[in-house]
Amino acid sequence: MESKETDISLILPHGGVLKNRFCEREKIAEFLGKPDVPEINLDDWTVCDAEMIGCGGFSPLEGFMDEKNYLSVINSMRLTDGTVWSMPVVLPVEDPSIFKNKEKAILVYKKRPLGIIEISDIFKRRKEEECMKVFKTTDPSHPAVRYIKECPDYLVGGNIYFLKPERRKFRKYYLYPDETREEFKKRKWKTVVGFQTRNPIHRAHEYIQKCALEICDGLFIHPIIGRTKSDDIPAEVRMKCYEVLIKNYFPRDRVMLCVNPSAMRYGGPREAILHAIVRKNYGCTHFIVGRDHAGVGNFYGPYDAQRIFEEFKESEIGIKPLFFENSFYCKKCASMATEKTCPHGEKFRISISGTKTRELLSKGKLPPPEFTRREIAEVLIGFYREK
């Protein structure tokens, strides 16, 4: 007798409903070429945000924020209706005067019309206030602060309709929230842990992923492929590293690799909240938060990205954060460990800086195997040779 299939009930999206703002070309075609419909040029950051709004990854957002929501998020990490949301999602414009008394504008990226915005608000960006409250600094050496300061001074808010991208790049791994949710159901994963990354995965990452996989049905590796810093490893190289790692060191039926089209904000604690919400929208029930999640330089303190979750009730965010300490290989333990599990001192620990790692790889030298898997190091050495 055949067993009856178990109905898999997935976690609800943030706000309760997955907001899909993708549209067909016909939706925007009627506005193209009309002299009374202005254009807004998207940049590499805002085109990523538009795609995330379009696919539902930024649910419950249906467009770029108006002034009230913008200020509410900056000051309280909530939308005006009280929903937790930690970072502004806004649309800068060069000349605000051309959008006054206009109902719609065409969203253009690299001269291609990709969507429309229903204009609900035009307002001045509080750049200093935003940088200080969201990124905890106004120092232009912070990549997001530098970007914001170089942006135009005004913002346009409103709901959008956006063309679904053709997904030529990374097509095999390019799934949106409605698709990953269906895949989780198909795999009968009741619990799924999400892992955010913009770097190749080294042994410490692998260790915490496998720890999380001990308590969850599936691991969702979800690297950002949108806008990142110029010195970050390119997405194409990182994807090869993830493929090699999964092929050789993970049970393939319990791991799913997908790309995340978001832009990286390097927002530390606040971005950790945003990353958790996004993975909730993709269908994850748990989310890994590391010691310096989404950090850059020395702008955030150790474990700030974990402590920020204490400011909200778990039910308000709706996804279970899993906190991990900095992990390392201990020669005395002869295994990966953290401060929580290893009693031995620094002299037994193998841990090298990112700068030192890049220096070794650029010279064609393998980092210690306890730090990086050989297969991944070889992919990176090949990248540095070509570079």
Protein backbone atom coordinates (compact mmCIF):
# COMPACT_ATOMS: atom_id res chain seq x y z
CA MET A 1 0.00 0.00 0.00
CA GLU A 2 1.37 3.39 -1.02
CA SER A 3 1.90 5.94 1.74
CA LYS A 4 0.00 9.18 1.46
CA GLU A 5 2.19 12.21 0.68
CA THR A 6 2.65 14.60 3.59
CA ASP A 7 1.40 18.11 2.92
CA ILE A 8 4.32 20.49 3.47
CA SER A 9 3.22 23.81 4.93
CA LEU A 10 5.84 26.50 4.34
CA ILE A 11 6.63 29.56 6.43
CA LEU A 12 4.56 32.60 5.41
CA PRO A 13 6.33 35.43 3.55
CA HIS A 14 7.10 38.61 5.47
CA GLY A 15 3.83 40.49 5.87
CA GLY A 16 1.85 37.33 5.10
CA VAL A 17 1.67 37.55 1.29
CA LEU A 18 4.36 37.20 -1.39
CA LYS A 19 4.17 40.44 -3.40
CA ASN A 20 4.99 39.81 -7.05
CA ARG A 21 5.39 42.97 -9.15
CA PHE A 22 6.66 41.38 -12.34
CA CYS A 23 4.73 42.29 -15.48
CA GLU A 24 4.59 41.59 -19.20
CA ARG A 25 6.03 44.05 -21.72
CA GLU A 26 2.51 45.10 -22.72
CA LYS A 27 2.10 46.65 -19.29
CA ILE A 28 4.76 49.27 -20.02
CA ALA A 29 4.53 49.43 -23.83
CA GLU A 30 1.69 51.96 -23.79
CA PHE A 31 3.91 54.46 -21.95
CA LEU A 32 6.99 54.16 -24.16
CA GLY A 33 7.77 57.13 -26.37
CA LYS A 34 5.10 59.35 -24.85
CA PRO A 35 6.46 62.88 -24.33
CA ASP A 36 4.53 63.36 -21.08
CA VAL A 37 5.98 60.23 -19.40
CA PRO A 38 9.43 60.95 -17.91
CA GLU A 39 12.22 58.41 -17.48
CA ILE A 40 14.18 57.44 -14.39
CA ASN A 41 17.60 55.88 -14.91
CA LEU A 42 18.30 52.94 -12.62
CA ASP A 43 21.88 52.28 -11.54
CA ASP A 44 23.54 48.99 -10.58
CA TRP A 45 22.10 49.24 -7.06
CA THR A 46 18.52 50.31 -7.83
CA VAL A 47 18.09 47.83 -10.70
CA CYS A 48 18.84 45.06 -8.18
CA ASP A 49 16.28 46.53 -5.77
CA ALA A 50 13.69 46.73 -8.55
CA GLU A 51 14.21 43.06 -9.38
CA MET A 52 13.92 42.09 -5.70
CA ILE A 53 10.66 44.05 -5.41
CA GLY A 54 9.46 42.49 -8.64
CA CYS A 55 10.10 38.89 -7.60
CA GLY A 56 8.73 39.24 -4.07
CA GLY A 57 12.12 38.91 -2.39
CA PHE A 58 11.48 42.28 -0.72
CA SER A 59 7.90 41.47 0.32
CA PRO A 60 5.86 43.23 1.62
CA LEU A 61 7.31 46.11 -0.43
CA GLU A 62 5.49 46.76 -3.70
CA GLY A 63 7.71 49.61 -4.79
CA PHE A 64 10.27 52.17 -3.72
CA MET A 65 9.58 53.82 -0.37
CA ASP A 66 7.73 57.08 0.06
CA GLU A 67 8.96 59.66 2.55
CA LYS A 68 6.94 58.40 5.52
CA ASN A 69 8.18 54.83 5.16
CA TYR A 70 11.72 56.01 4.42
CA LEU A 71 11.87 58.03 7.65
CA SER A 72 10.11 55.33 9.64
CA VAL A 73 12.66 52.71 8.55
CA ILE A 74 15.61 54.99 9.28
CA ASN A 75 14.36 55.87 12.75
CA SER A 76 12.57 52.74 13.96
CA MET A 77 13.44 49.87 11.59
CA ARG A 78 9.76 49.51 10.81
CA LEU A 79 7.43 50.43 7.99
CA THR A 80 4.63 52.84 8.86
CA ASP A 81 2.26 49.90 9.46
CA GLY A 82 4.63 48.52 12.11
CA THR A 83 6.14 45.72 10.01
CA VAL A 84 9.81 45.17 10.78
CA TRP A 85 12.02 46.46 7.93
CA SER A 86 15.59 47.50 8.60
CA MET A 87 16.98 49.30 5.51
CA PRO A 88 15.69 51.96 3.11
CA VAL A 89 14.78 50.84 -0.41
CA VAL A 90 14.68 54.08 -2.37
CA LEU A 91 14.96 55.50 -5.88
CA PRO A 92 17.24 58.54 -6.47
CA VAL A 93 16.46 60.99 -9.30
CA GLU A 94 18.55 63.76 -10.85
CA ASP A 95 15.91 66.46 -11.43
CA PRO A 96 12.82 66.15 -9.20
CA SER A 97 10.99 68.97 -10.99
CA ILE A 98 10.28 66.86 -14.10
CA PHE A 99 8.29 64.35 -12.02
CA LYS A 100 5.93 66.84 -10.38
CA ASN A 101 2.31 66.42 -11.42
CA LYS A 102 3.24 63.18 -13.19
CA GLU A 103 1.43 59.95 -12.38
CA LYS A 104 3.98 57.54 -13.84
CA ALA A 105 7.59 57.30 -14.98
CA ILE A 106 9.47 54.69 -17.00
CA LEU A 107 12.29 52.80 -15.27
CA VAL A 108 15.30 52.57 -17.57
CA TYR A 109 18.55 50.65 -17.13
CA LYS A 110 21.37 51.10 -19.65
CA LYS A 111 18.91 52.66 -22.11
CA ARG A 112 16.49 49.72 -21.84
CA PRO A 113 12.98 50.35 -20.44
CA LEU A 114 12.40 47.72 -17.76
CA GLY A 115 9.33 48.92 -15.86
CA ILE A 116 7.19 51.75 -14.61
CA ILE A 117 6.69 53.44 -11.27
CA GLU A 118 3.38 54.89 -10.12
CA ILE A 119 4.64 58.08 -8.52
CA SER A 120 3.25 58.69 -5.05
CA ASP A 121 5.93 60.92 -3.54
CA ILE A 122 8.95 63.11 -4.34
CA PHE A 123 11.16 64.10 -1.42
CA LYS A 124 14.66 65.07 -0.35
CA ARG A 125 16.99 62.38 0.90
CA ARG A 126 18.35 62.86 4.45
CA LYS A 127 21.79 61.61 3.51
CA GLU A 128 23.69 62.33 6.73
CA GLU A 129 20.88 61.05 8.93
CA GLU A 130 20.43 57.92 6.83
CA CYS A 131 24.12 57.08 6.80
CA MET A 132 24.56 57.62 10.53
CA LYS A 133 21.48 55.70 11.63
CA VAL A 134 21.57 52.88 9.09
CA PHE A 135 25.32 52.35 8.61
CA LYS A 136 26.54 53.90 11.88
CA THR A 137 28.97 56.17 10.02
CA THR A 138 29.24 59.06 7.58
CA ASP A 139 32.74 58.02 6.56
CA PRO A 140 32.91 57.82 2.74
CA SER A 141 35.35 54.89 2.97
CA HIS A 142 32.25 52.82 3.76
CA PRO A 143 31.06 51.65 0.30
CA ALA A 144 27.35 52.32 0.93
CA VAL A 145 28.00 55.75 2.46
CA ARG A 146 30.15 56.68 -0.53
CA TYR A 147 27.39 55.53 -2.89
CA ILE A 148 24.69 57.49 -1.05
CA LYS A 149 26.78 60.68 -0.96
CA GLU A 150 27.39 60.41 -4.71
CA CYS A 151 23.67 59.89 -5.45
CA PRO A 152 21.29 62.71 -6.43
CA ASP A 153 19.64 64.49 -3.50
CA TYR A 154 16.01 63.62 -4.27
CA LEU A 155 13.99 60.41 -4.18
CA VAL A 156 10.83 59.23 -5.92
CA GLY A 157 8.51 56.80 -4.17
CA GLY A 158 5.76 54.59 -5.53
CA ASN A 159 4.67 51.08 -6.50
CA ILE A 160 6.38 49.54 -9.51
CA TYR A 161 5.75 47.07 -12.30
CA PHE A 162 8.95 45.43 -13.54
CA LEU A 163 9.80 43.17 -16.45
CA LYS A 164 10.93 39.71 -15.40
CA PRO A 165 14.61 39.38 -16.38
CA GLU A 166 15.59 36.78 -18.97
CA ARG A 167 17.95 35.13 -16.47
CA ARG A 168 20.61 34.18 -19.01
CA LYS A 169 23.38 34.25 -16.42
CA PHE A 170 23.43 31.45 -13.82
CA ARG A 171 20.16 30.23 -15.34
CA LYS A 172 20.38 26.86 -13.59
CA TYR A 173 20.51 28.57 -10.20
CA TYR A 174 18.22 31.53 -10.86
CA LEU A 175 15.05 30.81 -8.90
CA TYR A 176 12.68 33.38 -7.40
CA PRO A 177 10.78 33.03 -4.10
CA ASP A 178 7.69 31.38 -5.60
CA GLU A 179 9.96 28.85 -7.34
CA THR A 180 12.18 28.05 -4.34
CA ARG A 181 9.08 27.56 -2.22
CA GLU A 182 7.75 25.03 -4.71
CA GLU A 183 11.11 23.28 -4.76
CA PHE A 184 11.20 23.06 -0.95
CA LYS A 185 7.73 21.48 -1.04
CA LYS A 186 8.84 19.02 -3.71
CA ARG A 187 11.82 18.03 -1.56
CA LYS A 188 9.54 17.79 1.52
CA TRP A 189 11.78 20.12 3.51
CA LYS A 190 9.82 21.36 6.52
CA THR A 191 12.82 23.26 7.89
CA VAL A 192 15.29 25.09 5.66
CA VAL A 193 18.32 27.06 6.82
CA GLY A 194 19.49 29.96 4.66
CA PHE A 195 23.12 30.99 4.27
CA GLN A 196 24.04 34.45 3.00
CA THR A 197 27.39 34.93 1.30
CA ARG A 198 29.32 37.24 -1.02
CA ASN A 199 32.60 35.32 -0.67
CA PRO A 200 33.92 31.88 -1.59
CA ILE A 201 33.04 29.45 1.20
CA HIS A 202 36.01 28.45 3.37
CA ARG A 203 36.24 25.75 6.03
CA ALA A 204 34.78 27.94 8.77
CA HIS A 205 31.67 28.63 6.66
CA GLU A 206 31.39 24.96 5.78
CA TYR A 207 31.54 24.06 9.47
CA ILE A 208 28.67 26.31 10.52
CA GLN A 209 26.59 25.24 7.51
CA LYS A 210 26.95 21.61 8.47
CA CYS A 211 26.15 22.38 12.11
CA ALA A 212 22.94 24.06 10.93
CA LEU A 213 22.18 21.16 8.60
CA GLU A 214 22.22 18.84 11.61
CA ILE A 215 18.99 20.49 12.82
CA CYS A 216 17.30 21.36 9.51
CA ASP A 217 16.02 19.30 6.59
CA GLY A 218 17.78 21.38 3.96
CA LEU A 219 20.53 23.98 3.46
CA PHE A 220 19.82 26.91 1.11
CA ILE A 221 23.11 28.50 -0.03
CA HIS A 222 22.06 31.88 -1.41
CA PRO A 223 25.00 34.02 -2.63
CA ILE A 224 24.49 37.62 -3.65
CA ILE A 225 25.25 38.21 -7.34
CA GLY A 226 24.05 41.82 -7.56
CA ARG A 227 26.15 44.91 -7.01
CA THR A 228 29.18 44.30 -4.77
CA LYS A 229 32.48 46.07 -4.08
CA SER A 230 34.97 46.21 -6.94
CA ASP A 231 37.51 44.14 -4.99
CA ASP A 232 35.07 41.34 -4.13
CA ILE A 233 35.53 38.03 -5.96
CA PRO A 234 33.33 38.06 -9.11
CA ALA A 235 30.09 36.08 -8.91
CA GLU A 236 31.12 33.71 -11.73
CA VAL A 237 34.21 32.61 -9.77
CA ARG A 238 32.32 32.29 -6.50
CA MET A 239 29.65 30.12 -8.13
CA LYS A 240 32.35 27.70 -9.33
CA CYS A 241 33.62 27.49 -5.75
CA TYR A 242 30.15 26.71 -4.40
CA GLU A 243 29.62 24.03 -7.06
CA VAL A 244 32.94 22.35 -6.23
CA LEU A 245 32.22 22.41 -2.50
CA ILE A 246 28.72 20.92 -2.82
CA LYS A 247 29.88 18.25 -5.26
CA ASN A 248 32.68 17.02 -3.01
CA TYR A 249 31.66 17.72 0.57
CA PHE A 250 27.88 17.94 0.95
CA PRO A 251 24.97 15.49 0.59
CA ARG A 252 23.56 16.90 -2.64
CA ASP A 253 19.97 15.95 -1.86
CA ARG A 254 20.05 18.15 1.24
CA VAL A 255 21.61 21.28 -0.28
CA MET A 256 20.18 23.79 -2.73
CA LEU A 257 22.26 26.50 -4.41
CA CYS A 258 20.47 29.54 -5.82
CA VAL A 259 21.57 33.06 -6.72
CA ASN A 260 20.31 36.17 -4.96
CA PRO A 261 20.02 39.20 -7.30
CA SER A 262 20.25 41.71 -4.42
CA ALA A 263 22.82 44.48 -4.14
CA MET A 264 25.19 44.14 -1.20
CA ARG A 265 24.80 47.05 1.22
CA TYR A 266 27.56 46.21 3.74
CA GLY A 267 25.14 47.34 6.42
CA GLY A 268 26.23 45.06 9.25
CA PRO A 269 23.51 44.60 11.90
CA ARG A 270 20.67 46.18 9.93
CA GLU A 271 21.54 44.21 6.83
CA ALA A 272 21.53 40.99 8.87
CA ILE A 273 17.84 41.67 9.59
CA LEU A 274 17.16 42.39 5.91
CA HIS A 275 18.98 39.23 4.84
CA ALA A 276 16.90 37.17 7.26
CA ILE A 277 13.64 38.67 5.94
CA VAL A 278 14.65 38.02 2.32
CA ARG A 279 15.40 34.34 3.08
CA LYS A 280 12.07 34.07 4.88
CA ASN A 281 10.43 35.28 1.67
CA TYR A 282 12.32 32.60 -0.25
CA GLY A 283 10.87 30.00 2.14
CA CYS A 284 13.59 29.49 4.78
CA THR A 285 12.60 28.79 8.37
CA HIS A 286 16.10 29.37 9.82
CA PHE A 287 18.92 31.75 8.98
CA ILE A 288 22.63 31.66 9.83
CA VAL A 289 23.99 34.87 11.35
CA GLY A 290 27.75 35.01 11.72
CA ARG A 291 29.97 37.07 14.00
CA ASP A 292 30.41 39.95 11.55
CA HIS A 293 27.46 39.44 9.24
CA ALA A 294 27.45 41.86 6.26
CA GLY A 295 30.30 43.78 7.83
CA VAL A 296 33.02 45.78 6.13
CA GLY A 297 36.20 47.27 7.58
CA ASN A 298 35.88 48.07 11.28
CA PHE A 299 32.53 49.87 11.17
CA TYR A 300 30.65 47.34 13.31
CA GLY A 301 31.51 45.66 16.59
CA PRO A 302 31.90 41.91 17.09
CA TYR A 303 28.50 40.21 17.26
CA ASP A 304 26.53 43.46 16.68
CA ALA A 305 24.75 41.65 13.83
CA GLN A 306 23.53 39.03 16.29
CA ARG A 307 22.58 41.38 19.11
CA ILE A 308 20.27 43.44 16.88
CA PHE A 309 17.83 40.51 16.75
CA GLU A 310 17.22 41.05 20.48
CA GLU A 311 15.45 44.32 19.61
CA PHE A 312 12.52 42.43 18.07
CA LYS A 313 10.20 39.64 19.09
CA GLU A 314 10.97 36.48 17.16
CA SER A 315 7.40 36.49 15.85
CA GLU A 316 7.96 39.95 14.32
CA ILE A 317 10.76 38.74 12.10
CA GLY A 318 9.29 35.28 11.74
CA ILE A 319 12.46 33.36 10.86
CA LYS A 320 14.68 31.67 13.44
CA PRO A 321 18.20 33.15 13.55
CA LEU A 322 21.04 30.72 14.27
CA PHE A 323 23.99 32.48 15.89
CA PHE A 324 27.54 31.19 15.42
CA GLU A 325 30.82 32.36 16.87
CA ASN A 326 33.99 32.77 14.85
CA SER A 327 35.14 29.28 13.88
CA PHE A 328 38.65 27.98 13.24
CA TYR A 329 40.66 24.79 12.92
CA CYS A 330 42.27 23.68 16.18
CA LYS A 331 45.37 21.52 15.78
CA LYS A 332 44.96 20.15 19.31
CA CYS A 333 41.30 19.20 18.75
CA ALA A 334 42.19 18.11 15.19
CA SER A 335 38.87 19.56 14.03
CA MET A 336 36.93 22.73 13.31
CA ALA A 337 35.77 24.47 16.48
CA THR A 338 34.68 27.74 18.13
CA GLU A 339 35.33 29.36 21.48
CA LYS A 340 32.27 27.48 22.75
CA THR A 341 33.70 24.07 21.94
CA CYS A 342 37.50 24.43 22.05
CA PRO A 343 39.47 24.88 25.30
CA HIS A 344 42.84 25.44 23.61
CA GLY A 345 44.65 28.71 23.02
CA GLU A 346 45.50 30.78 19.95
CA LYS A 347 48.76 28.91 19.27
CA PHE A 348 46.78 25.82 18.25
CA ARG A 349 44.38 27.67 15.94
CA ILE A 350 44.77 28.03 12.18
CA SER A 351 43.23 31.27 11.05
CA ILE A 352 44.59 33.59 8.37
CA SER A 353 43.34 36.98 7.21
CA GLY A 354 41.57 37.62 3.92
CA THR A 355 44.52 39.80 2.84
CA LYS A 356 47.00 36.99 3.53
CA THR A 357 44.77 34.49 1.74
CA ARG A 358 44.57 36.69 -1.38
CA GLU A 359 48.35 37.18 -1.27
CA LEU A 360 48.95 33.41 -1.23
CA LEU A 361 46.41 32.71 -3.98
CA SER A 362 47.76 35.48 -6.22
CA LYS A 363 51.19 33.84 -5.98
CA GLY A 364 49.73 30.45 -6.90
CA LYS A 365 50.21 29.10 -3.38
CA LEU A 366 47.64 27.01 -1.57
CA PRO A 367 46.43 28.27 1.82
CA PRO A 368 46.50 25.66 4.60
CA PRO A 369 43.99 22.85 3.88
CA GLU A 370 42.53 23.42 7.35
CA PHE A 371 41.51 26.90 6.17
CA THR A 372 40.41 26.33 2.56
CA ARG A 373 39.53 23.18 0.64
CA ARG A 374 42.13 22.46 -2.03
CA GLU A 375 39.50 22.29 -4.81
CA ILE A 376 38.25 25.79 -3.97
CA ALA A 377 41.77 27.18 -3.66
CA GLU A 378 42.58 25.88 -7.15
CA VAL A 379 39.56 27.68 -8.62
CA LEU A 380 40.68 30.91 -6.94
CA ILE A 381 44.31 30.48 -8.03
CA GLY A 382 43.07 30.17 -11.60
CA PHE A 383 41.11 33.41 -11.19
CA TYR A 384 44.10 35.32 -9.83
CA ARG A 385 46.35 33.98 -12.62
CA GLU A 386 43.93 35.29 -15.26
CA LYS A 387 43.58 38.57 -13.40
